[in-house]
């Protein structure tokens, strides 16, 4: 196991690729988190609007049948 770690640390290409790969993965995770947050917020807004529309419809129907 130590041989593999020493081999990876000694080669320049792994010293360059390793940190770049870590940064790329971190950027991808942050980007996906932001996109997921905005999509969830959009879906919540859509649900709230549909709920409000359904409430208005029920109220209008209820008051029309009671008064008419």
Protein backbone atom coordinates (compact mmCIF):
# COMPACT_ATOMS: atom_id res chain seq x y z
CA UNK A 1 0.00 0.00 0.00
CA UNK A 2 2.79 2.43 0.90
CA UNK A 3 4.51 1.60 -2.36
CA UNK A 4 1.44 2.73 -4.32
CA UNK A 5 1.18 5.98 -2.37
CA UNK A 6 4.89 6.72 -2.85
CA UNK A 7 4.63 5.92 -6.56
CA UNK A 8 1.66 8.24 -7.02
CA UNK A 9 3.37 11.06 -5.12
CA UNK A 10 6.61 10.74 -7.03
CA UNK A 11 5.20 11.14 -10.54
CA UNK A 12 4.59 14.70 -11.70
CA UNK A 13 1.48 13.85 -13.74
CA UNK A 14 -0.30 12.59 -10.65
CA UNK A 15 0.78 15.65 -8.70
CA UNK A 16 -0.89 17.82 -11.35
CA UNK A 17 -3.96 15.68 -12.03
CA UNK A 18 -4.79 14.98 -8.37
CA UNK A 19 -5.50 18.54 -7.20
CA UNK A 20 -7.18 19.42 -10.51
CA UNK A 21 -9.46 16.41 -10.14
CA UNK A 22 -10.34 17.39 -6.56
CA UNK A 23 -11.15 20.96 -7.61
CA UNK A 24 -13.21 19.75 -10.59
CA UNK A 25 -15.25 17.42 -8.37
CA UNK A 26 -15.83 20.18 -5.81
CA UNK A 27 -16.96 22.62 -8.50
CA UNK A 28 -19.31 19.99 -9.92
CA UNK A 29 -20.82 19.30 -6.49
CA UNK A 30 -21.34 23.02 -5.79
CA UNK A 31 -22.86 23.56 -9.24
CA UNK A 32 -25.24 20.64 -8.87
CA UNK A 33 -26.26 21.87 -5.43
CA UNK A 34 -27.07 25.33 -6.76
CA UNK A 35 -29.06 23.92 -9.68
CA UNK A 36 -30.96 21.54 -7.38
CA UNK A 37 -31.76 24.43 -5.01
CA UNK A 38 -33.17 26.60 -7.79
CA UNK A 39 -35.17 23.74 -9.30
CA UNK A 40 -36.63 22.88 -5.90
CA UNK A 41 -37.53 26.53 -5.32
CA UNK A 42 -39.20 26.73 -8.73
CA UNK A 43 -41.22 23.60 -8.03
CA UNK A 44 -42.26 24.95 -4.64
CA UNK A 45 -43.42 28.22 -6.21
CA UNK A 46 -45.39 26.31 -8.83
CA UNK A 47 -47.02 24.17 -6.14
CA UNK A 48 -47.91 27.24 -4.09
CA UNK A 49 -49.49 28.92 -7.12
CA UNK A 50 -51.53 25.83 -7.97
CA UNK A 51 -52.65 25.52 -4.36
CA UNK A 52 -53.73 29.16 -4.31
CA UNK A 53 -55.63 28.72 -7.59
CA UNK A 54 -57.39 25.63 -6.26
CA UNK A 55 -58.29 27.49 -3.07
CA UNK A 56 -59.77 30.38 -5.05
CA UNK A 57 -61.76 27.96 -7.21
CA UNK A 58 -63.18 26.16 -4.19
CA UNK A 59 -64.02 29.46 -2.50
CA UNK A 60 -65.73 30.79 -5.62
CA UNK A 61 -67.70 27.55 -6.07
CA UNK A 62 -68.68 27.43 -2.41
CA UNK A 63 -69.88 31.02 -2.25
CA UNK A 64 -71.70 30.81 -5.59
CA UNK A 65 -73.67 27.76 -4.47
CA UNK A 66 -74.52 29.28 -1.06
CA UNK A 67 -75.67 32.61 -2.45
CA UNK A 68 -77.27 31.34 -5.66
